[in-house]
Structures are given as C-alpha cells and as structure tokens.
C-alpha cells in the first residue's frame, strides 16, 4: 500500500481554485439565464448603453 502524503499548501490551493472556478462558471451561467429570462431587467438600459452582447 503506498504511503499517503498529507495535503500541503500547494495541493490545497489547487483544490480551492478548482472549486472556485466551478462555482464561478455556475454563477456566470445563472446570470446569463436571468438576463435572458427578464427582459425588463435593471441592467437592461445599462446593457443598451454599453452595447453588451449577452
């Protein structure tokens, strides 16, 4: 049986970045979904001014 090494700070950092990226992607698609659902969104006028393509 191989020896189990304890988690060092590099592996912890890598694991937390993966978790953060995963939730960030979920949050981004949720924002896109809400912007598509609500046509009278509060950011709608701001989107027209900035010419953002959602």
PDB file of N, CA and C in Angstrom:
ATOM      1  N   UNK A   1       0.853  -1.201   0.000  1.00  0.00           N
ATOM      2  CA  UNK A   1       0.000   0.000   0.000  1.00  0.00           C
ATOM      3  C   UNK A   1       0.891   1.254   0.000  1.00  0.00           C
ATOM      4  N   UNK A   2       0.637   2.203  -0.905  1.00  0.00           N
ATOM      5  CA  UNK A   2       1.514   3.384  -0.948  1.00  0.00           C
ATOM      6  C   UNK A   2       1.284   4.314   0.224  1.00  0.00           C
ATOM      7  N   UNK A   3       2.300   5.064   0.519  1.00  0.00           N
ATOM      8  CA  UNK A   3       2.207   5.971   1.667  1.00  0.00           C
ATOM      9  C   UNK A   3       1.329   7.164   1.309  1.00  0.00           C
ATOM     10  N   UNK A   4       0.421   7.516   2.206  1.00  0.00           N
ATOM     11  CA  UNK A   4      -0.468   8.647   1.978  1.00  0.00           C
ATOM     12  C   UNK A   4       0.202   9.918   2.495  1.00  0.00           C
ATOM     13  N   UNK A   5       0.482  10.836   1.572  1.00  0.00           N
ATOM     14  CA  UNK A   5       1.128  12.074   1.981  1.00  0.00           C
ATOM     15  C   UNK A   5       0.070  13.066   2.468  1.00  0.00           C
ATOM     16  N   UNK A   6       0.406  13.858   3.475  1.00  0.00           N
ATOM     17  CA  UNK A   6      -0.553  14.882   3.922  1.00  0.00           C
ATOM     18  C   UNK A   6      -0.663  16.000   2.890  1.00  0.00           C
ATOM     19  N   UNK A   7      -1.785  16.719   2.940  1.00  0.00           N
ATOM     20  CA  UNK A   7      -2.014  17.791   1.973  1.00  0.00           C
ATOM     21  C   UNK A   7      -1.116  18.975   2.307  1.00  0.00           C
ATOM     22  N   UNK A   8      -0.307  19.363   1.361  1.00  0.00           N
ATOM     23  CA  UNK A   8       0.485  20.574   1.567  1.00  0.00           C
ATOM     24  C   UNK A   8      -0.284  21.773   1.027  1.00  0.00           C
ATOM     25  N   UNK A   9       0.305  22.955   1.138  1.00  0.00           N
ATOM     26  CA  UNK A   9      -0.445  24.170   0.776  1.00  0.00           C
ATOM     27  C   UNK A   9      -0.641  24.273  -0.724  1.00  0.00           C
ATOM     28  N   UNK A  10       0.234  23.662  -1.538  1.00  0.00           N
ATOM     29  CA  UNK A  10       0.079  23.728  -2.997  1.00  0.00           C
ATOM     30  C   UNK A  10      -1.154  22.934  -3.437  1.00  0.00           C
ATOM     31  N   UNK A  11      -1.301  21.750  -2.897  1.00  0.00           N
ATOM     32  CA  UNK A  11      -2.464  20.935  -3.265  1.00  0.00           C
ATOM     33  C   UNK A  11      -3.766  21.559  -2.746  1.00  0.00           C
ATOM     34  N   UNK A  12      -3.701  22.156  -1.555  1.00  0.00           N
ATOM     35  CA  UNK A  12      -4.888  22.846  -1.042  1.00  0.00           C
ATOM     36  C   UNK A  12      -5.259  24.035  -1.931  1.00  0.00           C
ATOM     37  N   UNK A  13      -4.249  24.781  -2.348  1.00  0.00           N
ATOM     38  CA  UNK A  13      -4.504  25.915  -3.233  1.00  0.00           C
ATOM     39  C   UNK A  13      -5.099  25.456  -4.553  1.00  0.00           C
ATOM     40  N   UNK A  14      -4.573  24.383  -5.100  1.00  0.00           N
ATOM     41  CA  UNK A  14      -5.093  23.846  -6.358  1.00  0.00           C
ATOM     42  C   UNK A  14      -6.541  23.379  -6.207  1.00  0.00           C
ATOM     43  N   UNK A  15      -6.831  22.717  -5.096  1.00  0.00           N
ATOM     44  CA  UNK A  15      -8.184  22.217  -4.864  1.00  0.00           C
ATOM     45  C   UNK A  15      -9.171  23.369  -4.705  1.00  0.00           C
ATOM     46  N   UNK A  16      -8.784  24.408  -3.956  1.00  0.00           N
ATOM     47  CA  UNK A  16      -9.694  25.532  -3.762  1.00  0.00           C
ATOM     48  C   UNK A  16      -9.895  26.330  -5.039  1.00  0.00           C
ATOM     49  N   UNK A  17      -8.858  26.411  -5.874  1.00  0.00           N
ATOM     50  CA  UNK A  17      -9.048  27.110  -7.151  1.00  0.00           C
ATOM     51  C   UNK A  17      -9.997  26.337  -8.057  1.00  0.00           C
ATOM     52  N   UNK A  18      -9.917  25.018  -8.055  1.00  0.00           N
ATOM     53  CA  UNK A  18     -10.846  24.215  -8.859  1.00  0.00           C
ATOM     54  C   UNK A  18     -12.287  24.412  -8.398  1.00  0.00           C
ATOM     55  N   UNK A  19     -12.482  24.386  -7.069  1.00  0.00           N
ATOM     56  CA  UNK A  19     -13.836  24.586  -6.534  1.00  0.00           C
ATOM     57  C   UNK A  19     -14.342  25.985  -6.885  1.00  0.00           C
ATOM     58  N   UNK A  20     -13.458  26.981  -6.764  1.00  0.00           N
ATOM     59  CA  UNK A  20     -13.864  28.361  -7.059  1.00  0.00           C
ATOM     60  C   UNK A  20     -14.213  28.528  -8.539  1.00  0.00           C
ATOM     61  N   UNK A  21     -13.429  27.923  -9.418  1.00  0.00           N
ATOM     62  CA  UNK A  21     -13.735  28.004 -10.841  1.00  0.00           C
ATOM     63  C   UNK A  21     -15.069  27.334 -11.158  1.00  0.00           C
ATOM     64  N   UNK A  22     -15.342  26.213 -10.516  1.00  0.00           N
ATOM     65  CA  UNK A  22     -16.594  25.504 -10.752  1.00  0.00           C
ATOM     66  C   UNK A  22     -17.794  26.360 -10.369  1.00  0.00           C
ATOM     67  N   UNK A  23     -17.749  26.968  -9.160  1.00  0.00           N
ATOM     68  CA  UNK A  23     -18.871  27.797  -8.738  1.00  0.00           C
ATOM     69  C   UNK A  23     -18.957  29.088  -9.537  1.00  0.00           C
ATOM     70  N   UNK A  24     -17.816  29.578 -10.002  1.00  0.00           N
ATOM     71  CA  UNK A  24     -17.827  30.794 -10.804  1.00  0.00           C
ATOM     72  C   UNK A  24     -18.515  30.554 -12.146  1.00  0.00           C
ATOM     73  N   UNK A  25     -18.269  29.405 -12.753  1.00  0.00           N
ATOM     74  CA  UNK A  25     -18.922  29.065 -14.018  1.00  0.00           C
ATOM     75  C   UNK A  25     -20.429  28.910 -13.819  1.00  0.00           C
ATOM     76  N   UNK A  26     -20.835  28.269 -12.721  1.00  0.00           N
ATOM     77  CA  UNK A  26     -22.264  28.119 -12.423  1.00  0.00           C
ATOM     78  C   UNK A  26     -22.921  29.487 -12.238  1.00  0.00           C
ATOM     79  N   UNK A  27     -22.224  30.363 -11.504  1.00  0.00           N
ATOM     80  CA  UNK A  27     -22.759  31.700 -11.259  1.00  0.00           C
ATOM     81  C   UNK A  27     -22.879  32.486 -12.558  1.00  0.00           C
ATOM     82  N   UNK A  28     -21.904  32.346 -13.449  1.00  0.00           N
ATOM     83  CA  UNK A  28     -21.924  33.061 -14.729  1.00  0.00           C
ATOM     84  C   UNK A  28     -23.106  32.620 -15.591  1.00  0.00           C
ATOM     85  N   UNK A  29     -23.345  31.296 -15.663  1.00  0.00           N
ATOM     86  CA  UNK A  29     -24.471  30.831 -16.466  1.00  0.00           C
ATOM     87  C   UNK A  29     -25.803  31.196 -15.834  1.00  0.00           C
ATOM     88  N   UNK A  30     -25.842  31.296 -14.507  1.00  0.00           N
ATOM     89  CA  UNK A  30     -27.066  31.731 -13.841  1.00  0.00           C
ATOM     90  C   UNK A  30     -27.388  33.184 -14.191  1.00  0.00           C
ATOM     91  N   UNK A  31     -26.351  34.025 -14.246  1.00  0.00           N
ATOM     92  CA  UNK A  31     -26.550  35.428 -14.621  1.00  0.00           C
ATOM     93  C   UNK A  31     -27.035  35.528 -16.063  1.00  0.00           C
ATOM     94  N   UNK A  32     -26.451  34.735 -16.952  1.00  0.00           N
ATOM     95  CA  UNK A  32     -26.904  34.740 -18.345  1.00  0.00           C
ATOM     96  C   UNK A  32     -28.353  34.286 -18.455  1.00  0.00           C
ATOM     97  N   UNK A  33     -28.726  33.285 -17.683  1.00  0.00           N
ATOM     98  CA  UNK A  33     -30.101  32.785 -17.722  1.00  0.00           C
ATOM     99  C   UNK A  33     -31.087  33.834 -17.213  1.00  0.00           C
ATOM    100  N   UNK A  34     -30.733  34.525 -16.127  1.00  0.00           N
ATOM    101  CA  UNK A  34     -31.638  35.548 -15.595  1.00  0.00           C
ATOM    102  C   UNK A  34     -31.749  36.724 -16.554  1.00  0.00           C
ATOM    103  N   UNK A  35     -30.648  37.067 -17.233  1.00  0.00           N
ATOM    104  CA  UNK A  35     -30.725  38.170 -18.198  1.00  0.00           C
ATOM    105  C   UNK A  35     -31.563  37.788 -19.409  1.00  0.00           C
ATOM    106  N   UNK A  36     -31.561  36.537 -19.785  1.00  0.00           N
ATOM    107  CA  UNK A  36     -32.422  36.116 -20.880  1.00  0.00           C
ATOM    108  C   UNK A  36     -33.885  36.033 -20.438  1.00  0.00           C
ATOM    109  N   UNK A  37     -34.112  35.615 -19.197  1.00  0.00           N
ATOM    110  CA  UNK A  37     -35.481  35.480 -18.711  1.00  0.00           C
ATOM    111  C   UNK A  37     -36.146  36.849 -18.545  1.00  0.00           C
ATOM    112  N   UNK A  38     -35.477  37.752 -17.835  1.00  0.00           N
ATOM    113  CA  UNK A  38     -36.074  39.053 -17.522  1.00  0.00           C
ATOM    114  C   UNK A  38     -35.690  40.054 -18.597  1.00  0.00           C
ATOM    115  N   UNK A  39     -36.679  40.419 -19.408  1.00  0.00           N
ATOM    116  CA  UNK A  39     -36.399  41.428 -20.430  1.00  0.00           C
ATOM    117  C   UNK A  39     -36.382  42.815 -19.811  1.00  0.00           C
ATOM    118  N   UNK A  40     -37.158  43.006 -18.752  1.00  0.00           N
ATOM    119  CA  UNK A  40     -37.184  44.298 -18.070  1.00  0.00           C
ATOM    120  C   UNK A  40     -36.263  44.263 -16.856  1.00  0.00           C
ATOM    121  N   UNK A  41     -35.047  43.814 -17.116  1.00  0.00           N
ATOM    122  CA  UNK A  41     -34.062  43.715 -16.035  1.00  0.00           C
ATOM    123  C   UNK A  41     -33.504  45.106 -15.730  1.00  0.00           C
ATOM    124  N   UNK A  42     -32.981  45.267 -14.517  1.00  0.00           N
ATOM    125  CA  UNK A  42     -32.452  46.573 -14.142  1.00  0.00           C
ATOM    126  C   UNK A  42     -31.214  46.948 -14.956  1.00  0.00           C
ATOM    127  N   UNK A  43     -30.449  45.949 -15.373  1.00  0.00           N
ATOM    128  CA  UNK A  43     -29.255  46.217 -16.167  1.00  0.00           C
ATOM    129  C   UNK A  43     -29.534  46.360 -17.653  1.00  0.00           C
ATOM    130  N   UNK A  44     -30.816  46.343 -18.018  1.00  0.00           N
ATOM    131  CA  UNK A  44     -31.146  46.352 -19.440  1.00  0.00           C
ATOM    132  C   UNK A  44     -30.751  47.670 -20.102  1.00  0.00           C
ATOM    133  N   UNK A  45     -31.048  48.785 -19.453  1.00  0.00           N
ATOM    134  CA  UNK A  45     -30.658  50.082 -20.007  1.00  0.00           C
ATOM    135  C   UNK A  45     -29.150  50.227 -20.043  1.00  0.00           C
ATOM    136  N   UNK A  46     -28.479  49.719 -19.016  1.00  0.00           N
ATOM    137  CA  UNK A  46     -27.028  49.773 -18.982  1.00  0.00           C
ATOM    138  C   UNK A  46     -26.431  48.905 -20.086  1.00  0.00           C
ATOM    139  N   UNK A  47     -27.085  47.790 -20.376  1.00  0.00           N
ATOM    140  CA  UNK A  47     -26.620  46.935 -21.471  1.00  0.00           C
ATOM    141  C   UNK A  47     -26.765  47.634 -22.817  1.00  0.00           C
ATOM    142  N   UNK A  48     -27.842  48.361 -22.990  1.00  0.00           N
ATOM    143  CA  UNK A  48     -28.030  49.075 -24.256  1.00  0.00           C
ATOM    144  C   UNK A  48     -27.002  50.191 -24.412  1.00  0.00           C
ATOM    145  N   UNK A  49     -26.658  50.839 -23.282  1.00  0.00           N
ATOM    146  CA  UNK A  49     -25.659  51.905 -23.371  1.00  0.00           C
ATOM    147  C   UNK A  49     -24.269  51.347 -23.679  1.00  0.00           C
ATOM    148  N   UNK A  50     -23.911  50.251 -23.042  1.00  0.00           N
ATOM    149  CA  UNK A  50     -22.573  49.707 -23.218  1.00  0.00           C
ATOM    150  C   UNK A  50     -22.463  48.814 -24.454  1.00  0.00           C
ATOM    151  N   UNK A  51     -23.606  48.489 -25.086  1.00  0.00           N
ATOM    152  CA  UNK A  51     -23.639  47.606 -26.262  1.00  0.00           C
ATOM    153  C   UNK A  51     -23.039  46.234 -25.958  1.00  0.00           C
ATOM    154  N   UNK A  52     -23.458  45.662 -24.848  1.00  0.00           N
ATOM    155  CA  UNK A  52     -23.002  44.324 -24.484  1.00  0.00           C
ATOM    156  C   UNK A  52     -23.839  43.281 -25.207  1.00  0.00           C
ATOM    157  N   UNK A  53     -23.186  42.258 -25.708  1.00  0.00           N
ATOM    158  CA  UNK A  53     -23.907  41.162 -26.358  1.00  0.00           C
ATOM    159  C   UNK A  53     -24.020  39.997 -25.376  1.00  0.00           C
ATOM    160  N   UNK A  54     -25.152  39.916 -24.730  1.00  0.00           N
ATOM    161  CA  UNK A  54     -25.330  38.816 -23.763  1.00  0.00           C
ATOM    162  C   UNK A  54     -25.799  37.581 -24.513  1.00  0.00           C
TER     163      UNK A  54
END
